Amino acid sequence: MAPPKSQRASDFFRQGKGGKQRMEQDGGGSRSPTHTSDAGSDTDMSQATADDLSVSEKRLAAMLQDLRTSMKTDFQAAVSDMRKDIHEVGTRVNALEERLMSFAT
């Protein structure tokens, strides 16, 4: 069973903190770690940092896929609930119409 969403998000931020600090130390921003004002920093990036980014990107891609799946499941459940509610309202309206018709005759 998957952990609660809030737990997964906190795990992500806890795990990703070190990677962000490394990017800032290397001169990169959190959004664009390889594009900086220092032209030489791109060529100075170590293989370890590149591997860390690759792992982070894979982890982020997996988290995004998990989020998409979760959102799709939540949406489908909400649509199903709305359909049930609409059906229930329709049933009640039909019952009221029948009662009104019985009074009219």
PDB file of N, CA and C in Angstrom:
ATOM      1  N   MET A   1       0.840  -1.175   0.000  1.00  0.00           N
ATOM      2  CA  MET A   1       0.000   0.000   0.000  1.00  0.00           C
ATOM      3  C   MET A   1       0.887   1.241   0.000  1.00  0.00           C
ATOM      4  N   ALA A   2       0.546   2.244  -0.784  1.00  0.00           N
ATOM      5  CA  ALA A   2       1.363   3.446  -0.904  1.00  0.00           C
ATOM      6  C   ALA A   2       1.242   4.295   0.356  1.00  0.00           C
ATOM      7  N   PRO A   3       2.324   4.987   0.726  1.00  0.00           N
ATOM      8  CA  PRO A   3       2.254   5.859   1.894  1.00  0.00           C
ATOM      9  C   PRO A   3       1.362   7.056   1.598  1.00  0.00           C
ATOM     10  N   PRO A   4       0.869   7.732   2.623  1.00  0.00           N
ATOM     11  CA  PRO A   4       0.029   8.910   2.403  1.00  0.00           C
ATOM     12  C   PRO A   4       0.777   9.948   1.569  1.00  0.00           C
ATOM     13  N   LYS A   5       0.031  10.760   0.824  1.00  0.00           N
ATOM     14  CA  LYS A   5       0.641  11.740  -0.065  1.00  0.00           C
ATOM     15  C   LYS A   5       1.549  12.696   0.697  1.00  0.00           C
ATOM     16  N   SER A   6       1.115  13.158   1.873  1.00  0.00           N
ATOM     17  CA  SER A   6       1.926  14.102   2.632  1.00  0.00           C
ATOM     18  C   SER A   6       3.253  13.480   3.036  1.00  0.00           C
ATOM     19  N   GLN A   7       3.261  12.195   3.331  1.00  0.00           N
ATOM     20  CA  GLN A   7       4.503  11.534   3.716  1.00  0.00           C
ATOM     21  C   GLN A   7       5.433  11.438   2.515  1.00  0.00           C
ATOM     22  N   ARG A   8       4.897  11.122   1.361  1.00  0.00           N
ATOM     23  CA  ARG A   8       5.734  11.016   0.170  1.00  0.00           C
ATOM     24  C   ARG A   8       6.351  12.364  -0.173  1.00  0.00           C
ATOM     25  N   ALA A   9       5.583  13.436  -0.057  1.00  0.00           N
ATOM     26  CA  ALA A   9       6.113  14.760  -0.369  1.00  0.00           C
ATOM     27  C   ALA A   9       7.227  15.140   0.600  1.00  0.00           C
ATOM     28  N   SER A  10       7.033  14.876   1.883  1.00  0.00           N
ATOM     29  CA  SER A  10       8.072  15.221   2.851  1.00  0.00           C
ATOM     30  C   SER A  10       9.317  14.383   2.618  1.00  0.00           C
ATOM     31  N   ASP A  11       9.157  13.120   2.222  1.00  0.00           N
ATOM     32  CA  ASP A  11      10.314  12.286   1.908  1.00  0.00           C
ATOM     33  C   ASP A  11      11.081  12.870   0.727  1.00  0.00           C
ATOM     34  N   PHE A  12      10.368  13.352  -0.271  1.00  0.00           N
ATOM     35  CA  PHE A  12      11.020  13.924  -1.446  1.00  0.00           C
ATOM     36  C   PHE A  12      11.866  15.125  -1.059  1.00  0.00           C
ATOM     37  N   PHE A  13      11.287  16.032  -0.264  1.00  0.00           N
ATOM     38  CA  PHE A  13      12.027  17.227   0.098  1.00  0.00           C
ATOM     39  C   PHE A  13      13.204  16.890   1.001  1.00  0.00           C
ATOM     40  N   ARG A  14      13.042  15.911   1.863  1.00  0.00           N
ATOM     41  CA  ARG A  14      14.132  15.508   2.744  1.00  0.00           C
ATOM     42  C   ARG A  14      15.260  14.892   1.919  1.00  0.00           C
ATOM     43  N   GLN A  15      14.921  14.042   0.958  1.00  0.00           N
ATOM     44  CA  GLN A  15      15.933  13.378   0.147  1.00  0.00           C
ATOM     45  C   GLN A  15      16.583  14.340  -0.841  1.00  0.00           C
ATOM     46  N   GLY A  16      15.836  15.279  -1.358  1.00  0.00           N
ATOM     47  CA  GLY A  16      16.349  16.166  -2.388  1.00  0.00           C
ATOM     48  C   GLY A  16      17.151  17.334  -1.856  1.00  0.00           C
ATOM     49  N   LYS A  17      17.150  17.570  -0.564  1.00  0.00           N
ATOM     50  CA  LYS A  17      17.799  18.741   0.000  1.00  0.00           C
ATOM     51  C   LYS A  17      19.294  18.762  -0.298  1.00  0.00           C
ATOM     52  N   GLY A  18      19.966  17.642  -0.128  1.00  0.00           N
ATOM     53  CA  GLY A  18      21.403  17.591  -0.369  1.00  0.00           C
ATOM     54  C   GLY A  18      21.752  17.888  -1.813  1.00  0.00           C
ATOM     55  N   GLY A  19      20.955  17.390  -2.736  1.00  0.00           N
ATOM     56  CA  GLY A  19      21.196  17.647  -4.147  1.00  0.00           C
ATOM     57  C   GLY A  19      21.082  19.115  -4.480  1.00  0.00           C
ATOM     58  N   LYS A  20      20.116  19.780  -3.887  1.00  0.00           N
ATOM     59  CA  LYS A  20      19.942  21.203  -4.133  1.00  0.00           C
ATOM     60  C   LYS A  20      21.134  21.976  -3.588  1.00  0.00           C
ATOM     61  N   GLN A  21      21.603  21.602  -2.405  1.00  0.00           N
ATOM     62  CA  GLN A  21      22.756  22.284  -1.829  1.00  0.00           C
ATOM     63  C   GLN A  21      23.976  22.100  -2.714  1.00  0.00           C
ATOM     64  N   ARG A  22      24.173  20.904  -3.256  1.00  0.00           N
ATOM     65  CA  ARG A  22      25.307  20.669  -4.147  1.00  0.00           C
ATOM     66  C   ARG A  22      25.200  21.538  -5.397  1.00  0.00           C
ATOM     67  N   MET A  23      24.001  21.677  -5.951  1.00  0.00           N
ATOM     68  CA  MET A  23      23.843  22.499  -7.141  1.00  0.00           C
ATOM     69  C   MET A  23      24.178  23.950  -6.834  1.00  0.00           C
ATOM     70  N   GLU A  24      23.736  24.447  -5.665  1.00  0.00           N
ATOM     71  CA  GLU A  24      24.025  25.821  -5.300  1.00  0.00           C
ATOM     72  C   GLU A  24      25.514  26.016  -5.086  1.00  0.00           C
ATOM     73  N   GLN A  25      26.199  25.043  -4.504  1.00  0.00           N
ATOM     74  CA  GLN A  25      27.637  25.147  -4.295  1.00  0.00           C
ATOM     75  C   GLN A  25      28.383  25.137  -5.620  1.00  0.00           C
ATOM     76  N   ASP A  26      27.868  24.413  -6.601  1.00  0.00           N
ATOM     77  CA  ASP A  26      28.500  24.353  -7.914  1.00  0.00           C
ATOM     78  C   ASP A  26      28.227  25.609  -8.731  1.00  0.00           C
ATOM     79  N   GLY A  27      27.371  26.471  -8.250  1.00  0.00           N
ATOM     80  CA  GLY A  27      27.083  27.709  -8.958  1.00  0.00           C
ATOM     81  C   GLY A  27      25.794  27.672  -9.744  1.00  0.00           C
ATOM     82  N   GLY A  28      25.083  26.568  -9.741  1.00  0.00           N
ATOM     83  CA  GLY A  28      23.838  26.458 -10.492  1.00  0.00           C
ATOM     84  C   GLY A  28      22.644  26.805  -9.631  1.00  0.00           C
ATOM     85  N   GLY A  29      21.574  27.233 -10.263  1.00  0.00           N
ATOM     86  CA  GLY A  29      20.341  27.506  -9.548  1.00  0.00           C
ATOM     87  C   GLY A  29      19.534  26.244  -9.395  1.00  0.00           C
ATOM     88  N   SER A  30      18.479  26.305  -8.603  1.00  0.00           N
ATOM     89  CA  SER A  30      17.674  25.108  -8.382  1.00  0.00           C
ATOM     90  C   SER A  30      16.876  24.727  -9.626  1.00  0.00           C
ATOM     91  N   ARG A  31      16.609  25.679 -10.506  1.00  0.00           N
ATOM     92  CA  ARG A  31      15.852  25.355 -11.714  1.00  0.00           C
ATOM     93  C   ARG A  31      16.755  24.951 -12.866  1.00  0.00           C
ATOM     94  N   SER A  32      17.919  25.516 -12.942  1.00  0.00           N
ATOM     95  CA  SER A  32      18.791  25.265 -14.081  1.00  0.00           C
ATOM     96  C   SER A  32      20.219  25.061 -13.593  1.00  0.00           C
ATOM     97  N   PRO A  33      20.541  23.874 -13.103  1.00  0.00           N
ATOM     98  CA  PRO A  33      21.844  23.658 -12.491  1.00  0.00           C
ATOM     99  C   PRO A  33      23.012  23.752 -13.458  1.00  0.00           C
ATOM    100  N   THR A  34      22.805  23.593 -14.758  1.00  0.00           N
ATOM    101  CA  THR A  34      23.925  23.620 -15.691  1.00  0.00           C
ATOM    102  C   THR A  34      24.078  24.966 -16.381  1.00  0.00           C
ATOM    103  N   HIS A  35      23.165  25.899 -16.183  1.00  0.00           N
ATOM    104  CA  HIS A  35      23.257  27.201 -16.818  1.00  0.00           C
ATOM    105  C   HIS A  35      23.520  28.255 -15.760  1.00  0.00           C
ATOM    106  N   THR A  36      24.735  28.801 -15.769  1.00  0.00           N
ATOM    107  CA  THR A  36      25.098  29.815 -14.787  1.00  0.00           C
ATOM    108  C   THR A  36      25.742  30.978 -15.503  1.00  0.00           C
ATOM    109  N   SER A  37      26.025  32.021 -14.753  1.00  0.00           N
ATOM    110  CA  SER A  37      26.688  33.173 -15.340  1.00  0.00           C
ATOM    111  C   SER A  37      28.162  32.889 -15.593  1.00  0.00           C
ATOM    112  N   ASP A  38      28.743  31.918 -14.899  1.00  0.00           N
ATOM    113  CA  ASP A  38      30.135  31.538 -15.087  1.00  0.00           C
ATOM    114  C   ASP A  38      30.220  30.550 -16.246  1.00  0.00           C
ATOM    115  N   ALA A  39      30.801  30.959 -17.357  1.00  0.00           N
ATOM    116  CA  ALA A  39      30.828  30.127 -18.559  1.00  0.00           C
ATOM    117  C   ALA A  39      31.621  28.851 -18.360  1.00  0.00           C
ATOM    118  N   GLY A  40      32.616  28.847 -17.483  1.00  0.00           N
ATOM    119  CA  GLY A  40      33.448  27.678 -17.283  1.00  0.00           C
ATOM    120  C   GLY A  40      32.824  26.627 -16.399  1.00  0.00           C
ATOM    121  N   SER A  41      31.787  26.940 -15.670  1.00  0.00           N
ATOM    122  CA  SER A  41      31.233  25.985 -14.710  1.00  0.00           C
ATOM    123  C   SER A  41      30.590  24.782 -15.392  1.00  0.00           C
ATOM    124  N   ASP A  42      30.080  24.942 -16.615  1.00  0.00           N
ATOM    125  CA  ASP A  42      29.498  23.804 -17.330  1.00  0.00           C
ATOM    126  C   ASP A  42      30.548  22.736 -17.606  1.00  0.00           C
ATOM    127  N   THR A  43      31.719  23.149 -17.988  1.00  0.00           N
ATOM    128  CA  THR A  43      32.770  22.180 -18.300  1.00  0.00           C
ATOM    129  C   THR A  43      33.409  21.614 -17.051  1.00  0.00           C
ATOM    130  N   ASP A  44      33.285  22.310 -15.921  1.00  0.00           N
ATOM    131  CA  ASP A  44      33.889  21.855 -14.668  1.00  0.00           C
ATOM    132  C   ASP A  44      32.996  20.901 -13.889  1.00  0.00           C
ATOM    133  N   MET A  45      31.774  20.679 -14.363  1.00  0.00           N
ATOM    134  CA  MET A  45      30.847  19.822 -13.616  1.00  0.00           C
ATOM    135  C   MET A  45      31.413  18.411 -13.536  1.00  0.00           C
ATOM    136  N   SER A  46      31.491  17.875 -12.333  1.00  0.00           N
ATOM    137  CA  SER A  46      32.056  16.534 -12.154  1.00  0.00           C
ATOM    138  C   SER A  46      31.062  15.469 -12.596  1.00  0.00           C
ATOM    139  N   GLN A  47      31.578  14.283 -12.878  1.00  0.00           N
ATOM    140  CA  GLN A  47      30.723  13.167 -13.283  1.00  0.00           C
ATOM    141  C   GLN A  47      29.783  12.784 -12.152  1.00  0.00           C
ATOM    142  N   ALA A  48      30.262  12.880 -10.899  1.00  0.00           N
ATOM    143  CA  ALA A  48      29.419  12.535  -9.751  1.00  0.00           C
ATOM    144  C   ALA A  48      28.203  13.440  -9.694  1.00  0.00           C
ATOM    145  N   THR A  49      28.394  14.735  -9.930  1.00  0.00           N
ATOM    146  CA  THR A  49      27.269  15.670  -9.909  1.00  0.00           C
ATOM    147  C   THR A  49      26.308  15.365 -11.052  1.00  0.00           C
ATOM    148  N   ALA A  50      26.836  15.043 -12.215  1.00  0.00           N
ATOM    149  CA  ALA A  50      25.977  14.694 -13.351  1.00  0.00           C
ATOM    150  C   ALA A  50      25.172  13.438 -13.039  1.00  0.00           C
ATOM    151  N   ASP A  51      25.810  12.462 -12.392  1.00  0.00           N
ATOM    152  CA  ASP A  51      25.094  11.244 -12.007  1.00  0.00           C
ATOM    153  C   ASP A  51      24.022  11.555 -10.981  1.00  0.00           C
ATOM    154  N   ASP A  52      24.332  12.453 -10.020  1.00  0.00           N
ATOM    155  CA  ASP A  52      23.347  12.850  -9.013  1.00  0.00           C
ATOM    156  C   ASP A  52      22.140  13.496  -9.676  1.00  0.00           C
ATOM    157  N   LEU A  53      22.396  14.338 -10.683  1.00  0.00           N
ATOM    158  CA  LEU A  53      21.289  14.978 -11.390  1.00  0.00           C
ATOM    159  C   LEU A  53      20.463  13.944 -12.131  1.00  0.00           C
ATOM    160  N   SER A  54      21.125  12.977 -12.735  1.00  0.00           N
ATOM    161  CA  SER A  54      20.406  11.936 -13.457  1.00  0.00           C
ATOM    162  C   SER A  54      19.508  11.149 -12.509  1.00  0.00           C
ATOM    163  N   VAL A  55      20.032  10.806 -11.341  1.00  0.00           N
ATOM    164  CA  VAL A  55      19.237  10.083 -10.346  1.00  0.00           C
ATOM    165  C   VAL A  55      18.079  10.956  -9.872  1.00  0.00           C
ATOM    166  N   SER A  56      18.356  12.248  -9.635  1.00  0.00           N
ATOM    167  CA  SER A  56      17.301  13.163  -9.197  1.00  0.00           C
ATOM    168  C   SER A  56      16.224  13.304 -10.264  1.00  0.00           C
ATOM    169  N   GLU A  57      16.651  13.389 -11.525  1.00  0.00           N
ATOM    170  CA  GLU A  57      15.683  13.505 -12.609  1.00  0.00           C
ATOM    171  C   GLU A  57      14.817  12.256 -12.702  1.00  0.00           C
ATOM    172  N   LYS A  58      15.426  11.097 -12.535  1.00  0.00           N
ATOM    173  CA  LYS A  58      14.662   9.848 -12.575  1.00  0.00           C
ATOM    174  C   LYS A  58      13.688   9.782 -11.408  1.00  0.00           C
ATOM    175  N   ARG A  59      14.143  10.205 -10.220  1.00  0.00           N
ATOM    176  CA  ARG A  59      13.271  10.204  -9.045  1.00  0.00           C
ATOM    177  C   ARG A  59      12.110  11.172  -9.260  1.00  0.00           C
ATOM    178  N   LEU A  60      12.413  12.341  -9.816  1.00  0.00           N
ATOM    179  CA  LEU A  60      11.373  13.324 -10.087  1.00  0.00           C
ATOM    180  C   LEU A  60      10.387  12.801 -11.130  1.00  0.00           C
ATOM    181  N   ALA A  61      10.888  12.159 -12.169  1.00  0.00           N
ATOM    182  CA  ALA A  61      10.006  11.591 -13.195  1.00  0.00           C
ATOM    183  C   ALA A  61       9.097  10.523 -12.595  1.00  0.00           C
ATOM    184  N   ALA A  62       9.649   9.701 -11.707  1.00  0.00           N
ATOM    185  CA  ALA A  62       8.830   8.672 -11.051  1.00  0.00           C
ATOM    186  C   ALA A  62       7.774   9.315 -10.161  1.00  0.00           C
ATOM    187  N   MET A  63       8.153  10.375  -9.460  1.00  0.00           N
ATOM    188  CA  MET A  63       7.187  11.067  -8.601  1.00  0.00           C
ATOM    189  C   MET A  63       6.091  11.720  -9.429  1.00  0.00           C
ATOM    190  N   LEU A  64       6.459  12.304 -10.567  1.00  0.00           N
ATOM    191  CA  LEU A  64       5.456  12.911 -11.441  1.00  0.00           C
ATOM    192  C   LEU A  64       4.489  11.866 -11.985  1.00  0.00           C
ATOM    193  N   GLN A  65       5.009  10.712 -12.359  1.00  0.00           N
ATOM    194  CA  GLN A  65       4.141   9.637 -12.841  1.00  0.00           C
ATOM    195  C   GLN A  65       3.204   9.178 -11.735  1.00  0.00           C
ATOM    196  N   ASP A  66       3.726   9.075 -10.510  1.00  0.00           N
ATOM    197  CA  ASP A  66       2.907   8.693  -9.366  1.00  0.00           C
ATOM    198  C   ASP A  66       1.819   9.733  -9.123  1.00  0.00           C
ATOM    199  N   LEU A  67       2.179  11.006  -9.262  1.00  0.00           N
ATOM    200  CA  LEU A  67       1.203  12.080  -9.090  1.00  0.00           C
ATOM    201  C   LEU A  67       0.124  12.003 -10.165  1.00  0.00           C
ATOM    202  N   ARG A  68       0.529  11.782 -11.408  1.00  0.00           N
ATOM    203  CA  ARG A  68      -0.456  11.646 -12.497  1.00  0.00           C
ATOM    204  C   ARG A  68      -1.426  10.499 -12.226  1.00  0.00           C
ATOM    205  N   THR A  69      -0.870   9.364 -11.813  1.00  0.00           N
ATOM    206  CA  THR A  69      -1.702   8.194 -11.523  1.00  0.00           C
ATOM    207  C   THR A  69      -2.662   8.495 -10.383  1.00  0.00           C
ATOM    208  N   SER A  70      -2.149   9.124  -9.344  1.00  0.00           N
ATOM    209  CA  SER A  70      -2.974   9.462  -8.186  1.00  0.00           C
ATOM    210  C   SER A  70      -4.081  10.441  -8.572  1.00  0.00           C
ATOM    211  N   MET A  71      -3.731  11.457  -9.363  1.00  0.00           N
ATOM    212  CA  MET A  71      -4.735  12.435  -9.790  1.00  0.00           C
ATOM    213  C   MET A  71      -5.798  11.775 -10.665  1.00  0.00           C
ATOM    214  N   LYS A  72      -5.373  10.886 -11.554  1.00  0.00           N
ATOM    215  CA  LYS A  72      -6.322  10.194 -12.430  1.00  0.00           C
ATOM    216  C   LYS A  72      -7.278   9.343 -11.600  1.00  0.00           C
ATOM    217  N   THR A  73      -6.741   8.620 -10.619  1.00  0.00           N
ATOM    218  CA  THR A  73      -7.566   7.781  -9.750  1.00  0.00           C
ATOM    219  C   THR A  73      -8.545   8.635  -8.952  1.00  0.00           C
ATOM    220  N   ASP A  74      -8.049   9.749  -8.387  1.00  0.00           N
ATOM    221  CA  ASP A  74      -8.914  10.645  -7.621  1.00  0.00           C
ATOM    222  C   ASP A  74     -10.011  11.234  -8.499  1.00  0.00           C
ATOM    223  N   PHE A  75      -9.657  11.615  -9.730  1.00  0.00           N
ATOM    224  CA  PHE A  75     -10.632  12.182 -10.650  1.00  0.00           C
ATOM    225  C   PHE A  75     -11.704  11.160 -11.005  1.00  0.00           C
ATOM    226  N   GLN A  76     -11.274   9.937 -11.305  1.00  0.00           N
ATOM    227  CA  GLN A  76     -12.235   8.895 -11.650  1.00  0.00           C
ATOM    228  C   GLN A  76     -13.170   8.602 -10.478  1.00  0.00           C
ATOM    229  N   ALA A  77     -12.650   8.609  -9.265  1.00  0.00           N
ATOM    230  CA  ALA A  77     -13.487   8.377  -8.086  1.00  0.00           C
ATOM    231  C   ALA A  77     -14.488   9.519  -7.913  1.00  0.00           C
ATOM    232  N   ALA A  78     -14.032  10.752  -8.138  1.00  0.00           N
ATOM    233  CA  ALA A  78     -14.925  11.905  -8.007  1.00  0.00           C
ATOM    234  C   ALA A  78     -16.031  11.857  -9.058  1.00  0.00           C
ATOM    235  N   VAL A  79     -15.687  11.507 -10.289  1.00  0.00           N
ATOM    236  CA  VAL A  79     -16.689  11.396 -11.357  1.00  0.00           C
ATOM    237  C   VAL A  79     -17.694  10.302 -11.017  1.00  0.00           C
ATOM    238  N   SER A  80     -17.211   9.190 -10.512  1.00  0.00           N
ATOM    239  CA  SER A  80     -18.101   8.090 -10.128  1.00  0.00           C
ATOM    240  C   SER A  80     -19.063   8.536  -9.028  1.00  0.00           C
ATOM    241  N   ASP A  81     -18.540   9.248  -8.034  1.00  0.00           N
ATOM    242  CA  ASP A  81     -19.394   9.753  -6.953  1.00  0.00           C
ATOM    243  C   ASP A  81     -20.444  10.722  -7.488  1.00  0.00           C
ATOM    244  N   MET A  82     -20.039  11.598  -8.419  1.00  0.00           N
ATOM    245  CA  MET A  82     -20.997  12.551  -8.991  1.00  0.00           C
ATOM    246  C   MET A  82     -22.085  11.827  -9.778  1.00  0.00           C
ATOM    247  N   ARG A  83     -21.696  10.798 -10.521  1.00  0.00           N
ATOM    248  CA  ARG A  83     -22.692  10.038 -11.284  1.00  0.00           C
ATOM    249  C   ARG A  83     -23.692   9.369 -10.351  1.00  0.00           C
ATOM    250  N   LYS A  84     -23.205   8.818  -9.248  1.00  0.00           N
ATOM    251  CA  LYS A  84     -24.102   8.198  -8.267  1.00  0.00           C
ATOM    252  C   LYS A  84     -25.049   9.240  -7.686  1.00  0.00           C
ATOM    253  N   ASP A  85     -24.501  10.423  -7.360  1.00  0.00           N
ATOM    254  CA  ASP A  85     -25.338  11.493  -6.807  1.00  0.00           C
ATOM    255  C   ASP A  85     -26.392  11.935  -7.811  1.00  0.00           C
ATOM    256  N   ILE A  86     -26.004  12.082  -9.073  1.00  0.00           N
ATOM    257  CA  ILE A  86     -26.953  12.496 -10.112  1.00  0.00           C
ATOM    258  C   ILE A  86     -28.038  11.440 -10.282  1.00  0.00           C
ATOM    259  N   HIS A  87     -27.655  10.174 -10.262  1.00  0.00           N
ATOM    260  CA  HIS A  87     -28.633   9.093 -10.381  1.00  0.00           C
ATOM    261  C   HIS A  87     -29.605   9.129  -9.199  1.00  0.00           C
ATOM    262  N   GLU A  88     -29.065   9.353  -8.001  1.00  0.00           N
ATOM    263  CA  GLU A  88     -29.916   9.414  -6.807  1.00  0.00           C
ATOM    264  C   GLU A  88     -30.889  10.584  -6.892  1.00  0.00           C
ATOM    265  N   VAL A  89     -30.416  11.732  -7.354  1.00  0.00           N
ATOM    266  CA  VAL A  89     -31.295  12.895  -7.506  1.00  0.00           C
ATOM    267  C   VAL A  89     -32.366  12.593  -8.551  1.00  0.00           C
ATOM    268  N   GLY A  90     -31.983  11.965  -9.652  1.00  0.00           N
ATOM    269  CA  GLY A  90     -32.956  11.604 -10.682  1.00  0.00           C
ATOM    270  C   GLY A  90     -34.023  10.668 -10.144  1.00  0.00           C
ATOM    271  N   THR A  91     -33.620   9.706  -9.331  1.00  0.00           N
ATOM    272  CA  THR A  91     -34.574   8.776  -8.716  1.00  0.00           C
ATOM    273  C   THR A  91     -35.548   9.526  -7.818  1.00  0.00           C
ATOM    274  N   ARG A  92     -35.028  10.466  -7.043  1.00  0.00           N
ATOM    275  CA  ARG A  92     -35.900  11.253  -6.148  1.00  0.00           C
ATOM    276  C   ARG A  92     -36.863  12.126  -6.944  1.00  0.00           C
ATOM    277  N   VAL A  93     -36.371  12.720  -8.028  1.00  0.00           N
ATOM    278  CA  VAL A  93     -37.231  13.560  -8.865  1.00  0.00           C
ATOM    279  C   VAL A  93     -38.347  12.711  -9.470  1.00  0.00           C
ATOM    280  N   ASN A  94     -38.012  11.524  -9.950  1.00  0.00           N
ATOM    281  CA  ASN A  94     -39.038  10.636 -10.515  1.00  0.00           C
ATOM    282  C   ASN A  94     -40.081  10.274  -9.466  1.00  0.00           C
ATOM    283  N   ALA A  95     -39.647   9.989  -8.251  1.00  0.00           N
ATOM    284  CA  ALA A  95     -40.582   9.647  -7.179  1.00  0.00           C
ATOM    285  C   ALA A  95     -41.493  10.831  -6.862  1.00  0.00           C
ATOM    286  N   LEU A  96     -40.928  12.035  -6.828  1.00  0.00           N
ATOM    287  CA  LEU A  96     -41.747  13.226  -6.568  1.00  0.00           C
ATOM    288  C   LEU A  96     -42.741  13.477  -7.697  1.00  0.00           C
ATOM    289  N   GLU A  97     -42.306  13.281  -8.937  1.00  0.00           N
ATOM    290  CA  GLU A  97     -43.214  13.449 -10.073  1.00  0.00           C
ATOM    291  C   GLU A  97     -44.384  12.474  -9.978  1.00  0.00           C
ATOM    292  N   GLU A  98     -44.098  11.230  -9.600  1.00  0.00           N
ATOM    293  CA  GLU A  98     -45.168  10.239  -9.457  1.00  0.00           C
ATOM    294  C   GLU A  98     -46.140  10.643  -8.359  1.00  0.00           C
ATOM    295  N   ARG A  99     -45.616  11.146  -7.242  1.00  0.00           N
ATOM    296  CA  ARG A  99     -46.499  11.578  -6.151  1.00  0.00           C
ATOM    297  C   ARG A  99     -47.356  12.761  -6.584  1.00  0.00           C
ATOM    298  N   LEU A 100     -46.748  13.710  -7.306  1.00  0.00           N
ATOM    299  CA  LEU A 100     -47.507  14.865  -7.781  1.00  0.00           C
ATOM    300  C   LEU A 100     -48.587  14.441  -8.774  1.00  0.00           C
ATOM    301  N   MET A 101     -48.259  13.492  -9.636  1.00  0.00           N
ATOM    302  CA  MET A 101     -49.238  13.013 -10.605  1.00  0.00           C
ATOM    303  C   MET A 101     -50.389  12.302  -9.898  1.00  0.00           C
ATOM    304  N   SER A 102     -50.084  11.600  -8.810  1.00  0.00           N
ATOM    305  CA  SER A 102     -51.154  10.906  -8.089  1.00  0.00           C
ATOM    306  C   SER A 102     -52.096  11.909  -7.417  1.00  0.00           C
ATOM    307  N   PHE A 103     -51.593  13.066  -7.021  1.00  0.00           N
ATOM    308  CA  PHE A 103     -52.450  14.093  -6.428  1.00  0.00           C
ATOM    309  C   PHE A 103     -53.290  14.785  -7.492  1.00  0.00           C
ATOM    310  N   ALA A 104     -52.761  14.880  -8.698  1.00  0.00           N
ATOM    311  CA  ALA A 104     -53.459  15.579  -9.774  1.00  0.00           C
ATOM    312  C   ALA A 104     -54.640  14.766 -10.300  1.00  0.00           C
ATOM    313  N   THR A 105     -54.616  13.468 -10.142  1.00  0.00           N
ATOM    314  CA  THR A 105     -55.707  12.658 -10.680  1.00  0.00           C
ATOM    315  C   THR A 105     -56.779  12.390  -9.685  1.00  0.00           C
TER     316      THR A 105
END
